[in-house]
N, C-alpha and C. Protein backbone atom coordinates (compact mmCIF):
# COMPACT_ATOMS: atom_id res chain seq x y z
N MET A 1 139.78 106.14 170.88
CA MET A 1 138.67 105.73 171.72
C MET A 1 137.36 106.36 171.26
N THR A 2 137.39 107.18 170.25
CA THR A 2 136.18 107.83 169.77
C THR A 2 135.58 106.99 168.64
N ALA A 3 134.89 105.95 168.99
CA ALA A 3 134.27 105.07 168.00
C ALA A 3 133.18 105.83 167.24
N GLN A 4 133.08 105.54 165.97
CA GLN A 4 132.12 106.23 165.13
C GLN A 4 130.72 105.62 165.23
N ILE A 5 130.60 104.46 165.83
CA ILE A 5 129.31 103.80 165.93
C ILE A 5 128.60 104.19 167.22
N GLY A 6 127.29 104.26 167.15
CA GLY A 6 126.49 104.45 168.34
C GLY A 6 126.58 105.80 169.00
N LYS A 7 126.86 106.84 168.24
CA LYS A 7 126.89 108.18 168.84
C LYS A 7 125.46 108.68 168.94
N THR A 8 124.85 108.41 170.08
CA THR A 8 123.45 108.79 170.28
C THR A 8 123.27 109.86 171.34
N GLU A 9 124.33 110.12 172.11
CA GLU A 9 124.22 111.06 173.21
C GLU A 9 124.76 112.42 172.82
N LYS A 10 124.24 113.44 173.49
CA LYS A 10 124.66 114.81 173.22
C LYS A 10 125.12 115.44 174.53
N LEU A 11 126.14 116.30 174.44
CA LEU A 11 126.67 117.00 175.60
C LEU A 11 126.73 118.48 175.26
N ASP A 12 126.05 119.30 176.04
CA ASP A 12 126.05 120.74 175.83
C ASP A 12 126.91 121.40 176.90
N LEU A 13 127.57 122.50 176.54
CA LEU A 13 128.31 123.24 177.55
C LEU A 13 128.35 124.71 177.18
N ARG A 14 128.49 125.52 178.20
CA ARG A 14 128.61 126.98 178.03
C ARG A 14 130.09 127.32 178.18
N LEU A 15 130.57 128.23 177.33
CA LEU A 15 131.95 128.65 177.42
C LEU A 15 132.08 130.08 176.94
N SER A 16 133.19 130.70 177.26
CA SER A 16 133.40 132.09 176.86
C SER A 16 133.75 132.14 175.37
N LEU A 17 133.60 133.31 174.79
CA LEU A 17 133.95 133.50 173.39
C LEU A 17 135.43 133.21 173.17
N GLN A 18 136.26 133.63 174.11
CA GLN A 18 137.70 133.39 174.01
C GLN A 18 138.01 131.89 174.01
N ALA A 19 137.35 131.13 174.87
CA ALA A 19 137.56 129.69 174.93
C ALA A 19 137.11 129.03 173.63
N LYS A 20 135.97 129.49 173.09
CA LYS A 20 135.46 128.92 171.84
C LYS A 20 136.41 129.20 170.68
N LYS A 21 136.95 130.41 170.63
CA LYS A 21 137.91 130.76 169.58
C LYS A 21 139.15 129.88 169.68
N MET A 22 139.64 129.68 170.91
CA MET A 22 140.83 128.85 171.10
C MET A 22 140.58 127.42 170.63
N LEU A 23 139.41 126.89 170.99
CA LEU A 23 139.07 125.53 170.57
C LEU A 23 138.96 125.44 169.05
N ARG A 24 138.37 126.44 168.45
CA ARG A 24 138.21 126.46 166.99
C ARG A 24 139.59 126.48 166.31
N ILE A 25 140.50 127.30 166.81
CA ILE A 25 141.85 127.39 166.24
C ILE A 25 142.60 126.07 166.42
N ALA A 26 142.50 125.50 167.62
CA ALA A 26 143.18 124.23 167.89
C ALA A 26 142.61 123.10 167.03
N ALA A 27 141.30 123.07 166.87
CA ALA A 27 140.66 122.05 166.04
C ALA A 27 141.11 122.20 164.59
N LEU A 28 141.19 123.42 164.12
CA LEU A 28 141.65 123.68 162.76
C LEU A 28 143.08 123.18 162.59
N ALA A 29 143.94 123.48 163.57
CA ALA A 29 145.33 123.03 163.52
C ALA A 29 145.43 121.51 163.53
N ALA A 30 144.53 120.85 164.21
CA ALA A 30 144.52 119.38 164.30
C ALA A 30 143.73 118.75 163.14
N ARG A 31 143.19 119.62 162.26
CA ARG A 31 142.38 119.17 161.12
C ARG A 31 141.20 118.30 161.58
N ARG A 32 140.53 118.81 162.57
CA ARG A 32 139.34 118.16 163.14
C ARG A 32 138.23 119.20 163.22
N SER A 33 137.01 118.71 163.34
CA SER A 33 135.92 119.63 163.66
C SER A 33 136.06 119.98 165.13
N VAL A 34 135.43 121.05 165.54
CA VAL A 34 135.50 121.44 166.96
C VAL A 34 134.94 120.31 167.82
N SER A 35 133.83 119.72 167.39
CA SER A 35 133.23 118.63 168.17
C SER A 35 134.19 117.45 168.30
N GLU A 36 134.82 117.05 167.19
CA GLU A 36 135.76 115.93 167.25
C GLU A 36 136.94 116.26 168.16
N PHE A 37 137.45 117.49 168.01
CA PHE A 37 138.60 117.90 168.82
C PHE A 37 138.26 117.90 170.30
N VAL A 38 137.12 118.47 170.65
CA VAL A 38 136.72 118.53 172.06
C VAL A 38 136.48 117.14 172.61
N LEU A 39 135.81 116.28 171.86
CA LEU A 39 135.54 114.92 172.33
C LEU A 39 136.83 114.14 172.51
N GLU A 40 137.72 114.18 171.52
CA GLU A 40 138.98 113.45 171.64
C GLU A 40 139.81 113.98 172.81
N SER A 41 139.86 115.29 172.97
CA SER A 41 140.63 115.88 174.06
C SER A 41 140.03 115.51 175.41
N ALA A 42 138.72 115.58 175.52
CA ALA A 42 138.06 115.25 176.78
C ALA A 42 138.25 113.78 177.14
N LEU A 43 138.14 112.90 176.15
CA LEU A 43 138.33 111.47 176.42
C LEU A 43 139.77 111.16 176.81
N ALA A 44 140.73 111.82 176.17
CA ALA A 44 142.14 111.61 176.54
C ALA A 44 142.37 112.05 177.98
N ARG A 45 141.81 113.18 178.35
CA ARG A 45 141.95 113.68 179.73
C ARG A 45 141.25 112.75 180.72
N ALA A 46 140.10 112.22 180.34
CA ALA A 46 139.38 111.29 181.21
C ALA A 46 140.21 110.02 181.44
N GLU A 47 140.83 109.52 180.37
CA GLU A 47 141.67 108.33 180.52
C GLU A 47 142.85 108.60 181.44
N GLU A 48 143.48 109.78 181.32
CA GLU A 48 144.58 110.15 182.22
C GLU A 48 144.10 110.21 183.66
N THR A 49 142.95 110.81 183.87
CA THR A 49 142.41 110.98 185.21
C THR A 49 142.09 109.63 185.85
N LEU A 50 141.57 108.70 185.06
CA LEU A 50 141.13 107.41 185.60
C LEU A 50 142.22 106.34 185.57
N ALA A 51 143.36 106.64 184.97
CA ALA A 51 144.41 105.63 184.80
C ALA A 51 144.83 104.99 186.11
N ASP A 52 144.99 105.79 187.16
CA ASP A 52 145.46 105.22 188.43
C ASP A 52 144.38 104.41 189.13
N ARG A 53 143.18 104.47 188.62
CA ARG A 53 142.11 103.65 189.22
C ARG A 53 141.99 102.30 188.51
N ARG A 54 142.65 102.16 187.37
CA ARG A 54 142.58 100.92 186.59
C ARG A 54 143.77 100.02 186.83
N SER A 55 144.95 100.61 186.92
CA SER A 55 146.15 99.80 187.11
C SER A 55 147.20 100.62 187.85
N PHE A 56 148.13 99.94 188.43
CA PHE A 56 149.23 100.61 189.11
C PHE A 56 150.46 99.72 189.01
N THR A 57 151.62 100.32 189.12
CA THR A 57 152.86 99.56 189.03
C THR A 57 153.63 99.70 190.34
N LEU A 58 154.33 98.63 190.69
CA LEU A 58 155.10 98.62 191.93
C LEU A 58 156.50 98.08 191.64
N ASP A 59 157.50 98.62 192.33
CA ASP A 59 158.83 98.03 192.23
C ASP A 59 158.84 96.78 193.12
N ASP A 60 159.96 96.07 193.12
CA ASP A 60 160.04 94.79 193.87
C ASP A 60 159.73 94.96 195.36
N GLU A 61 160.29 95.99 195.97
CA GLU A 61 160.06 96.21 197.41
C GLU A 61 158.59 96.54 197.69
N GLN A 62 158.02 97.41 196.87
CA GLN A 62 156.61 97.76 197.04
C GLN A 62 155.71 96.54 196.81
N TRP A 63 156.06 95.69 195.84
CA TRP A 63 155.27 94.49 195.56
C TRP A 63 155.28 93.55 196.76
N ARG A 64 156.46 93.35 197.35
CA ARG A 64 156.55 92.46 198.52
C ARG A 64 155.71 93.01 199.68
N ALA A 65 155.74 94.32 199.89
CA ALA A 65 154.94 94.94 200.95
C ALA A 65 153.46 94.79 200.65
N PHE A 66 153.09 94.94 199.40
CA PHE A 66 151.69 94.80 198.99
C PHE A 66 151.19 93.38 199.24
N VAL A 67 151.98 92.39 198.80
CA VAL A 67 151.60 90.98 198.99
C VAL A 67 151.54 90.65 200.47
N ALA A 68 152.49 91.16 201.24
CA ALA A 68 152.49 90.90 202.69
C ALA A 68 151.22 91.47 203.33
N ALA A 69 150.81 92.66 202.89
CA ALA A 69 149.58 93.26 203.43
C ALA A 69 148.36 92.42 203.06
N LEU A 70 148.34 91.88 201.85
CA LEU A 70 147.21 91.03 201.44
C LEU A 70 147.19 89.72 202.21
N ASP A 71 148.37 89.17 202.48
CA ASP A 71 148.46 87.89 203.17
C ASP A 71 148.30 87.99 204.68
N ALA A 72 148.45 89.18 205.23
CA ALA A 72 148.37 89.36 206.68
C ALA A 72 146.95 89.08 207.17
N PRO A 73 146.83 88.56 208.38
CA PRO A 73 145.49 88.34 208.93
C PRO A 73 144.78 89.69 209.13
N PRO A 74 143.48 89.69 209.09
CA PRO A 74 142.77 90.96 209.26
C PRO A 74 142.96 91.53 210.66
N ARG A 75 142.99 92.85 210.73
CA ARG A 75 143.11 93.53 212.03
C ARG A 75 141.77 93.45 212.75
N GLU A 76 141.85 93.47 214.06
CA GLU A 76 140.64 93.57 214.86
C GLU A 76 140.16 95.02 214.84
N LEU A 77 138.93 95.22 214.49
CA LEU A 77 138.34 96.56 214.47
C LEU A 77 137.08 96.52 215.34
N PRO A 78 137.24 96.73 216.65
CA PRO A 78 136.12 96.58 217.57
C PRO A 78 134.92 97.48 217.24
N ARG A 79 135.17 98.70 216.82
CA ARG A 79 134.06 99.60 216.50
C ARG A 79 133.28 99.11 215.29
N LEU A 80 133.98 98.57 214.31
CA LEU A 80 133.31 98.03 213.13
C LEU A 80 132.52 96.77 213.50
N LYS A 81 133.11 95.94 214.33
CA LYS A 81 132.42 94.73 214.78
C LYS A 81 131.13 95.10 215.52
N LYS A 82 131.21 96.10 216.39
CA LYS A 82 130.04 96.57 217.13
C LYS A 82 128.97 97.11 216.17
N LEU A 83 129.41 97.85 215.17
CA LEU A 83 128.49 98.42 214.20
C LEU A 83 127.71 97.32 213.47
N PHE A 84 128.40 96.26 213.08
CA PHE A 84 127.73 95.18 212.36
C PHE A 84 126.80 94.37 213.25
N GLN A 85 126.96 94.46 214.55
CA GLN A 85 126.08 93.74 215.47
C GLN A 85 124.80 94.51 215.73
N GLU A 86 124.79 95.81 215.41
CA GLU A 86 123.59 96.62 215.60
C GLU A 86 122.61 96.38 214.45
N LYS A 87 121.33 96.57 214.74
CA LYS A 87 120.34 96.47 213.68
C LYS A 87 120.48 97.66 212.77
N SER A 88 120.23 97.41 211.47
CA SER A 88 120.29 98.52 210.52
C SER A 88 119.03 99.39 210.65
N ILE A 89 119.04 100.56 210.06
CA ILE A 89 117.88 101.42 210.13
C ILE A 89 116.68 100.80 209.42
N PHE A 90 116.95 99.86 208.52
CA PHE A 90 115.86 99.20 207.81
C PHE A 90 115.23 98.10 208.65
N GLU A 91 115.97 97.58 209.63
CA GLU A 91 115.45 96.53 210.50
C GLU A 91 114.72 97.12 211.70
N GLN A 92 114.94 98.36 212.02
CA GLN A 92 114.30 99.00 213.16
C GLN A 92 112.91 99.49 212.74
N ALA A 93 111.93 99.10 213.48
CA ALA A 93 110.58 99.57 213.17
C ALA A 93 109.67 99.43 214.34
């Protein structure tokens, strides 16, 4: 995911000497520059963190429950209905 084109942005960070040494050693072991190693590692972690926001998997029972919830008529939410009937703060003057 680390495309070589269009690298125009810079990211600075402060870290301890111990952390910098560890990154340098790990980058050397991976035969990468520290910058490449940090960027690749950070992007991999970002993808892991965001994975559940992009897709999810369901077994058959969970899928049926999910589809049933989508197909069900909307619940009555009186407080929300009341809220939408009030003027917004932008309409009040």
